[in-house]
Amino acid sequence: MTRLGDLERAVMDVLWDVVPGTSDGVTVREVADALDGRELAYTTVMTVLDRLAGKGMVQREREGRAWRYRPAASREAHIAQLMLDALDLGGSRDAALVRFARSVTGTEAEVLRAALGSEAGLTGPGATAGGTGAVGSGRAEPGAEMTDRVDRPAGRRPAGEAAER
């Protein structure tokens, strides 16, 4: 996944905050107007949206002579993908996960435990005993539509799932 520059991130924040999932999207003018205090030219915003469409971050649909834009995935899906990309930077993925797990708050740890337990099909206290590999790299082909789903990397199984022989 491509990291976003400051202006791209500001435009995506507008799309994530303004465009509900059921919306037909917003126009370049609506995005420019929503970027309060930035005094950006219409063509600048249009160029940023065009580049974001090229990166697969936004979807666009023709409406007359204009385009309507909406995010290709939720903010949460984008952030999750960034985290997964960071794990792929090299070194020990497991060590990075352990270091991350030790840095979260108690509440965040509970959220992770619940998610891992849910992924493994377990419920209740202790649902994550032995749980690993709940999320993965979710790599998509260039130009593929981005969704809220984050896939498990090849070779990773949820906790409790036996290896095939």
C-alpha atoms as a PDB file:
ATOM      1  CA  MET A   1       0.000   0.000   0.000  1.00  0.00           C
ATOM      2  CA  THR A   2       1.242   3.424  -0.877  1.00  0.00           C
ATOM      3  CA  ARG A   3       1.831   5.859   1.933  1.00  0.00           C
ATOM      4  CA  LEU A   4      -0.005   9.140   1.569  1.00  0.00           C
ATOM      5  CA  GLY A   5       1.485  12.610   1.488  1.00  0.00           C
ATOM      6  CA  ASP A   6       0.093  15.388   3.692  1.00  0.00           C
ATOM      7  CA  LEU A   7      -2.340  16.755   1.094  1.00  0.00           C
ATOM      8  CA  GLU A   8      -3.440  13.266   0.021  1.00  0.00           C
ATOM      9  CA  ARG A   9      -4.103  12.389   3.655  1.00  0.00           C
ATOM     10  CA  ALA A  10      -6.124  15.608   4.137  1.00  0.00           C
ATOM     11  CA  VAL A  11      -8.219  14.782   1.064  1.00  0.00           C
ATOM     12  CA  MET A  12      -8.749  11.213   2.253  1.00  0.00           C
ATOM     13  CA  ASP A  13      -9.767  12.539   5.692  1.00  0.00           C
ATOM     14  CA  VAL A  14     -12.444  14.634   3.957  1.00  0.00           C
ATOM     15  CA  LEU A  15     -13.676  11.609   2.033  1.00  0.00           C
ATOM     16  CA  TRP A  16     -13.674   9.359   5.101  1.00  0.00           C
ATOM     17  CA  ASP A  17     -15.420  11.981   7.255  1.00  0.00           C
ATOM     18  CA  VAL A  18     -17.909  13.331   4.695  1.00  0.00           C
ATOM     19  CA  VAL A  19     -18.847  10.404   2.475  1.00  0.00           C
ATOM     20  CA  PRO A  20     -21.009   7.743   4.114  1.00  0.00           C
ATOM     21  CA  GLY A  21     -20.676   4.222   2.734  1.00  0.00           C
ATOM     22  CA  THR A  22     -23.993   4.497   0.910  1.00  0.00           C
ATOM     23  CA  SER A  23     -23.211   7.876  -0.661  1.00  0.00           C
ATOM     24  CA  ASP A  24     -22.641   8.451  -4.343  1.00  0.00           C
ATOM     25  CA  GLY A  25     -19.519  10.376  -3.389  1.00  0.00           C
ATOM     26  CA  VAL A  26     -18.480  13.999  -3.598  1.00  0.00           C
ATOM     27  CA  THR A  27     -17.231  16.298  -6.328  1.00  0.00           C
ATOM     28  CA  VAL A  28     -13.860  18.014  -6.521  1.00  0.00           C
ATOM     29  CA  ARG A  29     -15.543  21.298  -5.550  1.00  0.00           C
ATOM     30  CA  GLU A  30     -17.097  19.716  -2.440  1.00  0.00           C
ATOM     31  CA  VAL A  31     -13.720  18.319  -1.381  1.00  0.00           C
ATOM     32  CA  ALA A  32     -12.011  21.676  -2.008  1.00  0.00           C
ATOM     33  CA  ASP A  33     -14.682  23.462   0.050  1.00  0.00           C
ATOM     34  CA  ALA A  34     -14.282  20.952   2.889  1.00  0.00           C
ATOM     35  CA  LEU A  35     -10.519  21.570   3.085  1.00  0.00           C
ATOM     36  CA  ASP A  36     -11.060  24.596   5.299  1.00  0.00           C
ATOM     37  CA  GLY A  37      -8.203  27.050   5.583  1.00  0.00           C
ATOM     38  CA  ARG A  38      -6.061  25.447   2.883  1.00  0.00           C
ATOM     39  CA  GLU A  39      -6.931  27.850   0.036  1.00  0.00           C
ATOM     40  CA  LEU A  40      -6.146  25.239  -2.615  1.00  0.00           C
ATOM     41  CA  ALA A  41      -6.831  25.706  -6.305  1.00  0.00           C
ATOM     42  CA  TYR A  42      -9.599  23.559  -7.758  1.00  0.00           C
ATOM     43  CA  THR A  43      -7.086  22.001 -10.154  1.00  0.00           C
ATOM     44  CA  THR A  44      -4.795  21.037  -7.267  1.00  0.00           C
ATOM     45  CA  VAL A  45      -7.596  19.146  -5.529  1.00  0.00           C
ATOM     46  CA  MET A  46      -8.596  17.573  -8.851  1.00  0.00           C
ATOM     47  CA  THR A  47      -5.014  16.390  -9.412  1.00  0.00           C
ATOM     48  CA  VAL A  48      -4.777  14.914  -5.907  1.00  0.00           C
ATOM     49  CA  LEU A  49      -8.065  13.038  -6.364  1.00  0.00           C
ATOM     50  CA  ASP A  50      -6.934  11.786  -9.778  1.00  0.00           C
ATOM     51  CA  ARG A  51      -3.683  10.485  -8.260  1.00  0.00           C
ATOM     52  CA  LEU A  52      -5.563   8.848  -5.385  1.00  0.00           C
ATOM     53  CA  ALA A  53      -7.806   7.132  -7.946  1.00  0.00           C
ATOM     54  CA  GLY A  54      -4.682   5.921  -9.755  1.00  0.00           C
ATOM     55  CA  LYS A  55      -3.372   4.492  -6.473  1.00  0.00           C
ATOM     56  CA  GLY A  56      -6.654   2.683  -5.847  1.00  0.00           C
ATOM     57  CA  MET A  57      -7.431   4.754  -2.758  1.00  0.00           C
ATOM     58  CA  VAL A  58     -10.606   6.294  -4.183  1.00  0.00           C
ATOM     59  CA  GLN A  59     -13.286   5.166  -6.567  1.00  0.00           C
ATOM     60  CA  ARG A  60     -14.781   7.600  -8.996  1.00  0.00           C
ATOM     61  CA  GLU A  61     -17.855   7.642 -11.125  1.00  0.00           C
ATOM     62  CA  ARG A  62     -18.727   9.980 -13.957  1.00  0.00           C
ATOM     63  CA  GLU A  63     -21.657  12.319 -13.370  1.00  0.00           C
ATOM     64  CA  GLY A  64     -22.170  14.454 -16.453  1.00  0.00           C
ATOM     65  CA  ARG A  65     -18.856  16.188 -17.093  1.00  0.00           C
ATOM     66  CA  ALA A  66     -17.659  15.803 -13.501  1.00  0.00           C
ATOM     67  CA  TRP A  67     -16.479  12.922 -11.362  1.00  0.00           C
ATOM     68  CA  ARG A  68     -17.862  11.867  -7.981  1.00  0.00           C
ATOM     69  CA  TYR A  69     -15.289  10.419  -5.579  1.00  0.00           C
ATOM     70  CA  ARG A  70     -15.608   8.093  -2.580  1.00  0.00           C
ATOM     71  CA  PRO A  71     -13.057   6.142  -0.544  1.00  0.00           C
ATOM     72  CA  ALA A  72     -12.267   2.649  -1.840  1.00  0.00           C
ATOM     73  CA  ALA A  73     -11.907   1.392   1.746  1.00  0.00           C
ATOM     74  CA  SER A  74     -12.568   2.582   5.267  1.00  0.00           C
ATOM     75  CA  ARG A  75     -10.013   4.540   7.272  1.00  0.00           C
ATOM     76  CA  GLU A  76      -9.647   1.520   9.581  1.00  0.00           C
ATOM     77  CA  ALA A  77      -8.895  -0.828   6.675  1.00  0.00           C
ATOM     78  CA  HIS A  78      -6.269   1.608   5.377  1.00  0.00           C
ATOM     79  CA  ILE A  79      -4.597   1.891   8.781  1.00  0.00           C
ATOM     80  CA  ALA A  80      -4.627  -1.892   9.226  1.00  0.00           C
ATOM     81  CA  GLN A  81      -2.945  -2.280   5.838  1.00  0.00           C
ATOM     82  CA  LEU A  82      -0.282   0.277   6.788  1.00  0.00           C
ATOM     83  CA  MET A  83       0.428  -1.709   9.942  1.00  0.00           C
ATOM     84  CA  LEU A  84       0.731  -4.924   7.944  1.00  0.00           C
ATOM     85  CA  ASP A  85       3.022  -3.224   5.438  1.00  0.00           C
ATOM     86  CA  ALA A  86       5.233  -2.073   8.313  1.00  0.00           C
ATOM     87  CA  LEU A  87       5.536  -5.688   9.475  1.00  0.00           C
ATOM     88  CA  ASP A  88       6.796  -6.597   6.002  1.00  0.00           C
ATOM     89  CA  LEU A  89       9.689  -4.112   6.160  1.00  0.00           C
ATOM     90  CA  GLY A  90      12.068  -6.813   7.247  1.00  0.00           C
ATOM     91  CA  GLY A  91      13.476  -8.323  10.361  1.00  0.00           C
ATOM     92  CA  SER A  92      11.458 -10.571  12.563  1.00  0.00           C
ATOM     93  CA  ARG A  93       7.720 -10.150  12.070  1.00  0.00           C
ATOM     94  CA  ASP A  94       7.088 -12.064  15.309  1.00  0.00           C
ATOM     95  CA  ALA A  95       9.463  -9.826  17.296  1.00  0.00           C
ATOM     96  CA  ALA A  96       7.752  -6.717  15.925  1.00  0.00           C
ATOM     97  CA  LEU A  97       4.336  -8.111  16.872  1.00  0.00           C
ATOM     98  CA  VAL A  98       5.514  -8.911  20.413  1.00  0.00           C
ATOM     99  CA  ARG A  99       6.996  -5.428  20.813  1.00  0.00           C
ATOM    100  CA  PHE A 100       3.765  -3.894  19.540  1.00  0.00           C
ATOM    101  CA  ALA A 101       1.648  -6.055  21.868  1.00  0.00           C
ATOM    102  CA  ARG A 102       3.731  -4.930  24.841  1.00  0.00           C
ATOM    103  CA  SER A 103       3.189  -1.275  23.931  1.00  0.00           C
ATOM    104  CA  VAL A 104      -0.625  -1.237  23.859  1.00  0.00           C
ATOM    105  CA  THR A 105      -2.838  -0.173  26.745  1.00  0.00           C
ATOM    106  CA  GLY A 106      -4.897  -2.652  28.737  1.00  0.00           C
ATOM    107  CA  THR A 107      -8.054  -1.641  26.864  1.00  0.00           C
ATOM    108  CA  GLU A 108      -6.325  -2.013  23.494  1.00  0.00           C
ATOM    109  CA  ALA A 109      -5.026  -5.430  24.576  1.00  0.00           C
ATOM    110  CA  GLU A 110      -8.586  -6.514  25.383  1.00  0.00           C
ATOM    111  CA  VAL A 111      -9.723  -5.390  21.923  1.00  0.00           C
ATOM    112  CA  LEU A 112      -6.901  -7.418  20.356  1.00  0.00           C
ATOM    113  CA  ARG A 113      -7.742 -10.471  22.492  1.00  0.00           C
ATOM    114  CA  ALA A 114     -11.381 -10.283  21.465  1.00  0.00           C
ATOM    115  CA  ALA A 115     -10.471  -9.926  17.790  1.00  0.00           C
ATOM    116  CA  LEU A 116      -8.019 -12.825  17.923  1.00  0.00           C
ATOM    117  CA  GLY A 117     -10.551 -14.987  19.746  1.00  0.00           C
ATOM    118  CA  SER A 118     -13.210 -14.118  17.183  1.00  0.00           C
ATOM    119  CA  GLU A 119     -10.826 -14.886  14.295  1.00  0.00           C
ATOM    120  CA  ALA A 120     -10.048 -18.281  15.786  1.00  0.00           C
ATOM    121  CA  GLY A 121     -13.730 -19.010  16.320  1.00  0.00           C
ATOM    122  CA  LEU A 122     -13.343 -18.919  20.075  1.00  0.00           C
ATOM    123  CA  THR A 123     -15.302 -16.892  22.603  1.00  0.00           C
ATOM    124  CA  GLY A 124     -15.054 -15.930  26.231  1.00  0.00           C
ATOM    125  CA  PRO A 125     -12.086 -15.402  28.568  1.00  0.00           C
ATOM    126  CA  GLY A 126      -8.858 -17.007  27.466  1.00  0.00           C
ATOM    127  CA  ALA A 127     -10.121 -17.179  23.886  1.00  0.00           C
ATOM    128  CA  THR A 128      -6.729 -16.278  22.505  1.00  0.00           C
ATOM    129  CA  ALA A 129      -4.621 -18.892  24.223  1.00  0.00           C
ATOM    130  CA  GLY A 130      -2.009 -19.808  21.660  1.00  0.00           C
ATOM    131  CA  GLY A 131      -3.521 -17.440  19.095  1.00  0.00           C
ATOM    132  CA  THR A 132      -1.267 -16.209  16.308  1.00  0.00           C
ATOM    133  CA  GLY A 133      -1.570 -15.051  12.754  1.00  0.00           C
ATOM    134  CA  ALA A 134      -4.959 -13.370  12.978  1.00  0.00           C
ATOM    135  CA  VAL A 135      -4.246 -10.867  10.256  1.00  0.00           C
ATOM    136  CA  GLY A 136      -1.913 -10.785   7.299  1.00  0.00           C
ATOM    137  CA  SER A 137      -0.541  -8.786   4.443  1.00  0.00           C
ATOM    138  CA  GLY A 138      -3.718  -8.644   2.348  1.00  0.00           C
ATOM    139  CA  ARG A 139      -1.747  -7.818  -0.787  1.00  0.00           C
ATOM    140  CA  ALA A 140      -3.864  -6.839  -3.777  1.00  0.00           C
ATOM    141  CA  GLU A 141      -2.945  -6.674  -7.416  1.00  0.00           C
ATOM    142  CA  PRO A 142      -2.350  -3.149  -8.736  1.00  0.00           C
ATOM    143  CA  GLY A 143      -5.679  -1.606  -9.688  1.00  0.00           C
ATOM    144  CA  ALA A 144      -7.646  -4.100  -7.608  1.00  0.00           C
ATOM    145  CA  GLU A 145     -10.519  -2.697  -5.590  1.00  0.00           C
ATOM    146  CA  MET A 146      -9.624  -2.151  -1.953  1.00  0.00           C
ATOM    147  CA  THR A 147     -12.090  -3.350   0.668  1.00  0.00           C
ATOM    148  CA  ASP A 148     -12.375  -3.398   4.454  1.00  0.00           C
ATOM    149  CA  ARG A 149     -11.051  -6.953   4.491  1.00  0.00           C
ATOM    150  CA  VAL A 150      -7.512  -7.641   5.608  1.00  0.00           C
ATOM    151  CA  ASP A 151      -6.397 -11.117   4.561  1.00  0.00           C
ATOM    152  CA  ARG A 152      -4.136 -13.490   6.434  1.00  0.00           C
ATOM    153  CA  PRO A 153      -0.731 -14.046   4.764  1.00  0.00           C
ATOM    154  CA  ALA A 154      -0.100 -17.347   3.070  1.00  0.00           C
ATOM    155  CA  GLY A 155       1.039 -20.001   5.488  1.00  0.00           C
ATOM    156  CA  ARG A 156      -0.570 -18.354   8.532  1.00  0.00           C
ATOM    157  CA  ARG A 157      -3.484 -20.042  10.294  1.00  0.00           C
ATOM    158  CA  PRO A 158      -5.759 -18.883  13.063  1.00  0.00           C
ATOM    159  CA  ALA A 159      -5.102 -20.330  16.514  1.00  0.00           C
ATOM    160  CA  GLY A 160      -6.325 -23.887  16.870  1.00  0.00           C
ATOM    161  CA  GLU A 161      -6.481 -24.581  13.116  1.00  0.00           C
ATOM    162  CA  ALA A 162      -4.522 -27.727  12.301  1.00  0.00           C
ATOM    163  CA  ALA A 163      -2.049 -27.837   9.445  1.00  0.00           C
ATOM    164  CA  GLU A 164      -3.045 -29.933   6.440  1.00  0.00           C
ATOM    165  CA  ARG A 165      -0.989 -33.022   5.800  1.00  0.00           C
END
